[in-house]
N, C-alpha and C. Protein backbone atom coordinates (compact mmCIF):
# COMPACT_ATOMS: atom_id res chain seq x y z
N UNK A 1 -192.17 138.70 86.11
CA UNK A 1 -190.64 138.91 87.50
C UNK A 1 -189.51 138.10 86.95
N UNK A 2 -188.93 138.54 87.28
CA UNK A 2 -187.62 137.76 86.68
C UNK A 2 -187.05 137.04 88.00
N UNK A 3 -185.88 136.06 87.55
CA UNK A 3 -185.59 135.50 88.68
C UNK A 3 -184.55 136.49 89.74
N UNK A 4 -184.23 137.10 89.26
CA UNK A 4 -183.04 138.28 90.10
C UNK A 4 -183.87 138.99 91.01
N UNK A 5 -185.16 138.97 90.99
CA UNK A 5 -185.85 140.20 91.76
C UNK A 5 -185.70 138.81 93.26
N UNK A 6 -185.48 140.22 94.34
CA UNK A 6 -185.57 139.66 95.22
C UNK A 6 -186.25 139.90 96.71
N UNK A 7 -187.41 140.80 95.60
CA UNK A 7 -188.79 141.55 96.81
C UNK A 7 -189.59 140.53 96.75
N UNK A 8 -189.45 139.78 97.51
CA UNK A 8 -190.44 138.34 97.74
C UNK A 8 -191.04 138.34 99.19
N UNK A 9 -192.00 137.68 99.64
CA UNK A 9 -192.68 137.65 100.94
C UNK A 9 -191.37 136.80 101.99
N UNK A 10 -191.34 137.42 103.36
CA UNK A 10 -190.63 136.08 104.45
C UNK A 10 -191.30 134.83 104.42
N UNK A 11 -190.94 133.82 104.58
CA UNK A 11 -191.66 133.36 104.99
C UNK A 11 -191.54 132.92 106.68
N UNK A 12 -192.59 132.90 106.88
CA UNK A 12 -193.53 132.88 108.45
C UNK A 12 -193.02 132.06 108.97
N UNK A 13 -192.35 132.52 110.75
CA UNK A 13 -191.76 131.20 111.20
C UNK A 13 -192.19 130.23 111.20
N UNK A 14 -192.04 128.89 111.53
CA UNK A 14 -192.42 127.81 111.50
C UNK A 14 -193.16 127.55 110.10
N UNK A 15 -193.49 127.72 109.31
CA UNK A 15 -193.71 127.22 107.60
C UNK A 15 -192.67 126.11 106.86
N UNK A 16 -193.11 125.19 106.55
CA UNK A 16 -192.05 124.33 106.30
C UNK A 16 -192.03 124.29 104.62
N UNK A 17 -191.36 123.67 103.89
CA UNK A 17 -190.79 123.42 102.01
C UNK A 17 -192.08 122.55 102.09
N UNK A 18 -192.99 121.97 103.02
CA UNK A 18 -193.39 120.86 102.72
C UNK A 18 -195.34 121.01 102.52
N UNK A 19 -195.09 121.99 103.13
CA UNK A 19 -197.12 123.44 103.47
C UNK A 19 -197.12 123.02 101.95
N UNK A 20 -198.81 122.20 102.04
CA UNK A 20 -199.45 122.65 100.90
C UNK A 20 -200.37 123.96 100.86
N UNK A 21 -200.32 124.71 99.74
CA UNK A 21 -201.47 125.59 99.60
C UNK A 21 -202.78 125.29 99.50
N UNK A 22 -203.90 126.27 100.39
CA UNK A 22 -204.94 126.00 100.36
C UNK A 22 -205.41 127.02 100.05
N UNK A 23 -206.45 127.41 99.08
CA UNK A 23 -207.08 128.40 98.72
C UNK A 23 -208.61 128.72 99.67
N UNK A 24 -208.79 129.88 99.81
CA UNK A 24 -210.07 130.15 100.32
C UNK A 24 -210.67 131.25 99.38
N UNK A 25 -212.25 131.16 98.81
CA UNK A 25 -212.82 132.07 98.01
C UNK A 25 -213.32 132.87 99.02
N UNK A 26 -213.16 134.18 99.33
CA UNK A 26 -213.56 135.21 99.51
C UNK A 26 -215.05 135.98 99.34
N UNK A 27 -214.67 135.85 98.32
CA UNK A 27 -216.22 136.84 97.56
C UNK A 27 -215.42 136.20 95.85
N UNK A 28 -216.18 136.83 95.46
CA UNK A 28 -216.31 136.73 93.67
C UNK A 28 -214.65 137.18 92.74
N UNK A 29 -213.92 137.90 93.61
CA UNK A 29 -213.13 139.18 93.00
C UNK A 29 -211.77 139.06 94.65
N UNK A 30 -212.01 137.64 95.15
CA UNK A 30 -210.66 137.74 96.85
C UNK A 30 -210.65 136.37 96.96
N UNK A 31 -209.46 135.85 96.31
CA UNK A 31 -209.42 134.50 97.29
C UNK A 31 -207.77 134.78 97.87
N UNK A 32 -207.52 133.49 99.05
CA UNK A 32 -206.40 134.88 100.08
C UNK A 32 -205.95 132.81 100.16
N UNK A 33 -204.65 133.11 99.72
CA UNK A 33 -203.76 131.53 100.01
C UNK A 33 -203.16 131.47 101.92
N UNK A 34 -203.33 130.42 101.83
CA UNK A 34 -202.65 129.55 103.45
C UNK A 34 -201.87 128.45 102.91
N UNK A 35 -200.63 128.94 103.50
CA UNK A 35 -199.77 127.16 103.90
C UNK A 35 -199.76 126.85 105.25
N UNK A 36 -200.44 125.60 105.66
CA UNK A 36 -200.84 125.95 106.67
C UNK A 36 -201.34 126.58 107.54
N UNK A 37 -201.21 126.89 108.97
CA UNK A 37 -202.30 127.85 109.29
C UNK A 37 -201.55 129.51 109.27
N UNK A 38 -200.64 129.36 108.01
CA UNK A 38 -199.99 130.65 107.77
C UNK A 38 -200.87 131.70 106.64
N UNK A 39 -201.14 132.84 106.61
CA UNK A 39 -201.62 133.36 104.99
C UNK A 39 -200.23 134.29 104.42
N UNK A 40 -200.32 133.55 103.36
CA UNK A 40 -198.77 134.05 102.16
C UNK A 40 -199.08 134.86 101.53
N UNK A 41 -200.53 135.08 100.83
CA UNK A 41 -201.07 135.94 100.43
C UNK A 41 -202.63 135.92 99.53
N UNK A 42 -202.76 136.84 98.84
CA UNK A 42 -204.00 136.95 97.66
C UNK A 42 -203.98 137.01 96.31
N UNK A 43 -204.63 136.46 95.92
CA UNK A 43 -205.40 137.22 94.73
C UNK A 43 -206.36 138.18 94.66
N UNK A 44 -206.33 139.10 93.52
CA UNK A 44 -207.86 139.74 93.82
C UNK A 44 -207.88 140.49 92.55
N UNK A 45 -209.04 140.80 92.08
CA UNK A 45 -209.49 140.76 90.71
C UNK A 45 -209.70 141.68 90.53
N UNK A 46 -208.93 142.86 89.88
CA UNK A 46 -209.62 144.12 89.43
C UNK A 46 -209.98 144.06 87.55
N UNK A 47 -208.96 144.93 87.07
CA UNK A 47 -209.49 144.44 85.87
C UNK A 47 -208.46 142.95 84.98
N UNK A 48 -207.77 143.18 85.54
CA UNK A 48 -206.64 141.79 85.88
C UNK A 48 -206.74 140.96 87.38
N UNK A 49 -206.40 139.41 87.49
CA UNK A 49 -205.80 138.46 88.54
C UNK A 49 -204.33 139.36 89.26
N UNK A 50 -204.41 140.23 90.24
CA UNK A 50 -203.58 140.87 90.87
C UNK A 50 -202.86 139.97 92.04
N UNK A 51 -201.86 139.54 92.03
CA UNK A 51 -201.25 138.90 92.65
C UNK A 51 -200.34 139.65 94.62
N UNK A 52 -200.71 139.16 95.13
CA UNK A 52 -200.51 140.46 96.41
C UNK A 52 -199.68 139.62 97.28
N UNK A 53 -198.77 140.19 98.00
CA UNK A 53 -198.14 139.10 98.89
C UNK A 53 -198.90 139.43 100.23
N UNK A 54 -198.21 138.87 101.45
CA UNK A 54 -198.79 138.47 102.71
C UNK A 54 -199.03 139.86 102.78
N UNK A 55 -198.46 140.93 102.71
CA UNK A 55 -198.51 142.03 103.89
C UNK A 55 -199.09 143.52 102.45
N UNK A 56 -199.67 142.82 100.87
CA UNK A 56 -200.18 143.22 100.13
C UNK A 56 -200.12 143.86 99.17
N UNK A 57 -198.53 143.93 99.05
CA UNK A 57 -197.66 144.70 98.21
C UNK A 57 -198.05 143.52 96.84
N UNK A 58 -197.98 144.37 95.90
CA UNK A 58 -198.59 143.66 94.23
C UNK A 58 -197.46 143.04 93.73
N UNK A 59 -197.38 141.71 93.58
CA UNK A 59 -196.23 141.18 92.63
C UNK A 59 -196.40 140.81 91.50
N UNK A 60 -197.67 141.03 90.48
CA UNK A 60 -197.96 141.00 89.51
C UNK A 60 -199.21 140.63 89.02
N UNK A 61 -199.18 140.86 87.65
CA UNK A 61 -201.11 140.63 87.06
C UNK A 61 -201.22 139.72 86.07
N UNK A 62 -202.29 138.99 85.97
CA UNK A 62 -203.08 137.82 84.90
C UNK A 62 -203.58 138.25 84.71
N UNK A 63 -204.15 137.54 83.73
CA UNK A 63 -205.43 137.01 82.56
C UNK A 63 -206.11 135.99 82.80
N UNK A 64 -205.60 135.03 83.82
CA UNK A 64 -205.75 133.72 84.55
C UNK A 64 -205.83 134.06 85.72
N UNK A 65 -206.86 133.67 86.65
CA UNK A 65 -206.81 132.95 87.94
C UNK A 65 -205.88 132.06 88.32
N UNK A 66 -205.55 131.09 87.33
CA UNK A 66 -204.89 130.15 87.36
C UNK A 66 -203.11 130.41 87.71
N UNK A 67 -203.30 131.30 86.97
CA UNK A 67 -201.64 131.77 86.75
C UNK A 67 -201.07 132.41 87.63
N UNK A 68 -202.25 133.20 88.43
CA UNK A 68 -202.14 133.98 89.15
C UNK A 68 -201.56 133.26 90.83
N UNK A 69 -202.87 132.19 90.95
CA UNK A 69 -202.14 131.46 92.05
C UNK A 69 -201.12 130.42 92.10
N UNK A 70 -200.76 129.79 90.71
CA UNK A 70 -199.24 129.76 90.43
C UNK A 70 -197.85 130.39 90.68
N UNK A 71 -198.29 131.78 90.29
CA UNK A 71 -197.30 132.89 90.72
C UNK A 71 -197.26 132.98 92.48
N UNK A 72 -198.27 132.73 92.81
CA UNK A 72 -198.41 133.16 94.24
C UNK A 72 -197.60 132.05 95.07
N UNK A 73 -198.24 131.19 94.85
CA UNK A 73 -197.34 129.21 95.23
C UNK A 73 -196.14 129.65 94.73
N UNK A 74 -195.60 129.82 94.00
CA UNK A 74 -194.24 129.86 93.58
C UNK A 74 -193.48 130.65 94.27
N UNK A 75 -194.37 131.88 94.24
CA UNK A 75 -193.39 132.98 95.50
C UNK A 75 -193.40 132.61 96.54
N UNK A 76 -194.32 131.48 97.49
CA UNK A 76 -194.17 131.60 98.55
C UNK A 76 -193.14 130.03 99.00
N UNK A 77 -192.55 129.50 97.19
CA UNK A 77 -192.02 128.26 97.74
C UNK A 77 -190.20 128.96 97.43
N UNK A 78 -190.44 130.13 96.60
CA UNK A 78 -189.29 130.57 96.07
C UNK A 78 -188.73 131.39 97.60
N UNK A 79 -189.52 132.54 98.95
CA UNK A 79 -189.23 132.78 99.97
C UNK A 79 -189.05 131.52 100.65
N UNK A 80 -189.06 130.29 100.41
CA UNK A 80 -188.79 129.25 101.54
C UNK A 80 -187.71 128.78 101.28
N UNK A 81 -186.77 128.92 99.83
CA UNK A 81 -185.35 128.51 99.84
C UNK A 81 -185.78 127.04 98.51
N UNK A 82 -186.51 126.96 98.02
CA UNK A 82 -186.69 126.52 96.91
C UNK A 82 -186.37 126.59 95.60
N UNK A 83 -185.45 127.38 95.61
CA UNK A 83 -185.01 128.52 94.61
C UNK A 83 -184.13 127.51 93.42
N UNK A 84 -184.36 128.26 92.34
CA UNK A 84 -183.89 127.30 91.34
C UNK A 84 -182.37 127.76 91.16
N UNK A 85 -181.25 127.06 90.59
CA UNK A 85 -179.88 127.86 90.08
C UNK A 85 -180.03 129.06 89.69
N UNK A 86 -179.70 130.40 90.25
CA UNK A 86 -179.93 131.75 89.55
C UNK A 86 -177.89 132.33 89.33
N UNK A 87 -177.49 132.76 88.47
CA UNK A 87 -175.94 133.60 88.77
C UNK A 87 -176.51 134.40 89.85
N UNK A 88 -177.19 134.76 89.85
CA UNK A 88 -177.51 136.15 90.96
C UNK A 88 -177.45 135.78 92.10
N UNK A 89 -177.76 134.56 92.61
CA UNK A 89 -177.63 133.88 93.77
C UNK A 89 -175.95 133.94 94.35
N UNK A 90 -175.36 133.94 93.66
CA UNK A 90 -174.00 133.75 93.83
C UNK A 90 -173.53 135.04 94.20
N UNK A 91 -172.97 135.35 95.65
CA UNK A 91 -172.55 136.48 96.11
C UNK A 91 -170.87 136.21 96.06
């Protein structure tokens, strides 16, 4: 996913930049991520580890669970405003 893509899940109301991500393994092929009480997405193993946003859209796939989790956590931070500088962000 490039830094110029803006199709990231919106931050749930009340979610802060300082919430840590907690993970719950729902079964051997599905992991759910929460920041505080808010569901921020899932990782689903099909033939690869798919990163899905809070409403189910697929944002990427990976060969490792760790990479998929890292992408979802980064997407959550990105949607909350912890964005690195990008020339695309200049309006």
